[in-house]
Amino acid sequence: MSQRVTVTQGTWQNIGTGPAIVQLISPDASGVEVMVECQSTQPTGNDGLVLNSNNPVQKFSLAQTIWANAINGTALLDVQPDVAG
């Protein structure tokens, strides 16, 4: 079952565990983009894959924690378990 998660700017948030597919639901017309990472510990800094209108979906095949951090503002994400891995 998928879950919707609201992510805010400033702190990396645990949004689920892979394997999973993460999709940016909220439109980024206001310029909101989201960084996502899949790793066992909370990321530090500003390194991450960026979800935006050009790249709204990211698949993670690792069985590790998925982290997200909005670049500016608040964004709504959908996290769908990927049973195929």
C-alpha atoms as a PDB file:
ATOM      1  CA  MET A   1       0.000   0.000   0.000  1.00  0.00           C
ATOM      2  CA  SER A   2       1.342   3.425  -0.831  1.00  0.00           C
ATOM      3  CA  GLN A   3       1.548   6.256   1.628  1.00  0.00           C
ATOM      4  CA  ARG A   4       1.518   9.987   1.112  1.00  0.00           C
ATOM      5  CA  VAL A   5       4.112  11.968   3.006  1.00  0.00           C
ATOM      6  CA  THR A   6       4.500  15.722   3.447  1.00  0.00           C
ATOM      7  CA  VAL A   7       8.124  16.849   3.392  1.00  0.00           C
ATOM      8  CA  THR A   8       9.292  20.257   4.545  1.00  0.00           C
ATOM      9  CA  GLN A   9      12.428  22.210   3.881  1.00  0.00           C
ATOM     10  CA  GLY A  10      15.366  22.084   6.257  1.00  0.00           C
ATOM     11  CA  THR A  11      15.572  18.546   7.651  1.00  0.00           C
ATOM     12  CA  TRP A  12      16.046  15.133   6.073  1.00  0.00           C
ATOM     13  CA  GLN A  13      12.950  13.063   6.886  1.00  0.00           C
ATOM     14  CA  ASN A  14      12.560   9.273   6.880  1.00  0.00           C
ATOM     15  CA  ILE A  15       9.795   8.573   4.336  1.00  0.00           C
ATOM     16  CA  GLY A  16       9.963   4.778   4.171  1.00  0.00           C
ATOM     17  CA  THR A  17      12.140   1.799   3.293  1.00  0.00           C
ATOM     18  CA  GLY A  18      13.155   0.468  -0.090  1.00  0.00           C
ATOM     19  CA  PRO A  19      12.678  -1.159  -2.424  1.00  0.00           C
ATOM     20  CA  ALA A  20      10.165   1.539  -3.279  1.00  0.00           C
ATOM     21  CA  ILE A  21       9.102   4.087  -5.863  1.00  0.00           C
ATOM     22  CA  VAL A  22       8.927   7.724  -4.742  1.00  0.00           C
ATOM     23  CA  GLN A  23       6.817  10.189  -6.721  1.00  0.00           C
ATOM     24  CA  LEU A  24       6.502  13.951  -6.330  1.00  0.00           C
ATOM     25  CA  ILE A  25       2.744  14.598  -6.164  1.00  0.00           C
ATOM     26  CA  SER A  26       2.583  18.304  -5.469  1.00  0.00           C
ATOM     27  CA  PRO A  27       3.292  20.393  -8.546  1.00  0.00           C
ATOM     28  CA  ASP A  28       6.506  22.349  -8.518  1.00  0.00           C
ATOM     29  CA  ALA A  29       4.961  25.360 -10.254  1.00  0.00           C
ATOM     30  CA  SER A  30       5.881  27.265  -7.114  1.00  0.00           C
ATOM     31  CA  GLY A  31       9.470  26.046  -7.480  1.00  0.00           C
ATOM     32  CA  VAL A  32       9.310  23.292  -4.837  1.00  0.00           C
ATOM     33  CA  GLU A  33      11.702  20.451  -5.502  1.00  0.00           C
ATOM     34  CA  VAL A  34      12.712  17.548  -3.264  1.00  0.00           C
ATOM     35  CA  MET A  35      16.038  15.793  -2.686  1.00  0.00           C
ATOM     36  CA  VAL A  36      15.820  12.042  -2.022  1.00  0.00           C
ATOM     37  CA  GLU A  37      18.439   9.524  -0.889  1.00  0.00           C
ATOM     38  CA  CYS A  38      18.445   5.838   0.033  1.00  0.00           C
ATOM     39  CA  GLN A  39      20.926   4.986   2.789  1.00  0.00           C
ATOM     40  CA  SER A  40      21.033   3.510   6.268  1.00  0.00           C
ATOM     41  CA  THR A  41      21.789   6.761   8.131  1.00  0.00           C
ATOM     42  CA  GLN A  42      20.277  10.231   7.893  1.00  0.00           C
ATOM     43  CA  PRO A  43      22.080  12.236   5.195  1.00  0.00           C
ATOM     44  CA  THR A  44      23.919  15.430   5.961  1.00  0.00           C
ATOM     45  CA  GLY A  45      24.390  18.331   3.604  1.00  0.00           C
ATOM     46  CA  ASN A  46      22.614  18.928   0.325  1.00  0.00           C
ATOM     47  CA  ASP A  47      23.497  15.894  -1.774  1.00  0.00           C
ATOM     48  CA  GLY A  48      20.572  13.964  -3.169  1.00  0.00           C
ATOM     49  CA  LEU A  49      18.642  13.043  -6.275  1.00  0.00           C
ATOM     50  CA  VAL A  50      16.265  15.884  -7.160  1.00  0.00           C
ATOM     51  CA  LEU A  51      12.588  15.273  -7.867  1.00  0.00           C
ATOM     52  CA  ASN A  52      10.864  18.026  -9.887  1.00  0.00           C
ATOM     53  CA  SER A  53       8.481  18.359 -12.848  1.00  0.00           C
ATOM     54  CA  ASN A  54      11.163  17.039 -15.234  1.00  0.00           C
ATOM     55  CA  ASN A  55      12.005  14.067 -13.003  1.00  0.00           C
ATOM     56  CA  PRO A  56       9.004  13.395 -10.711  1.00  0.00           C
ATOM     57  CA  VAL A  57       9.669   9.686 -10.004  1.00  0.00           C
ATOM     58  CA  GLN A  58      12.623   7.781  -8.548  1.00  0.00           C
ATOM     59  CA  LYS A  59      12.904   4.024  -8.012  1.00  0.00           C
ATOM     60  CA  PHE A  60      15.029   2.728  -5.139  1.00  0.00           C
ATOM     61  CA  SER A  61      15.964  -0.955  -5.249  1.00  0.00           C
ATOM     62  CA  LEU A  62      18.015  -1.066  -2.030  1.00  0.00           C
ATOM     63  CA  ALA A  63      16.405  -2.331   1.177  1.00  0.00           C
ATOM     64  CA  GLN A  64      17.456   0.751   3.133  1.00  0.00           C
ATOM     65  CA  THR A  65      15.812   3.844   4.567  1.00  0.00           C
ATOM     66  CA  ILE A  66      14.612   6.463   2.073  1.00  0.00           C
ATOM     67  CA  TRP A  67      15.172  10.077   3.126  1.00  0.00           C
ATOM     68  CA  ALA A  68      13.697  13.268   1.662  1.00  0.00           C
ATOM     69  CA  ASN A  69      14.265  16.985   2.127  1.00  0.00           C
ATOM     70  CA  ALA A  70      12.317  19.713   0.329  1.00  0.00           C
ATOM     71  CA  ILE A  71      14.615  22.217  -1.354  1.00  0.00           C
ATOM     72  CA  ASN A  72      12.276  25.163  -0.832  1.00  0.00           C
ATOM     73  CA  GLY A  73       8.872  24.993   0.790  1.00  0.00           C
ATOM     74  CA  THR A  74       6.706  21.930   1.376  1.00  0.00           C
ATOM     75  CA  ALA A  75       6.047  19.028  -0.981  1.00  0.00           C
ATOM     76  CA  LEU A  76       3.742  16.005  -1.063  1.00  0.00           C
ATOM     77  CA  LEU A  77       5.316  12.668  -1.984  1.00  0.00           C
ATOM     78  CA  ASP A  78       3.836   9.240  -2.663  1.00  0.00           C
ATOM     79  CA  VAL A  79       5.927   6.258  -1.509  1.00  0.00           C
ATOM     80  CA  GLN A  80       4.907   2.966  -3.144  1.00  0.00           C
ATOM     81  CA  PRO A  81       6.584  -0.319  -2.135  1.00  0.00           C
ATOM     82  CA  ASP A  82       8.192  -1.955  -5.157  1.00  0.00           C
ATOM     83  CA  VAL A  83       7.481  -5.658  -4.660  1.00  0.00           C
ATOM     84  CA  ALA A  84       9.410  -6.522  -7.826  1.00  0.00           C
ATOM     85  CA  GLY A  85      12.493  -4.896  -6.274  1.00  0.00           C
END
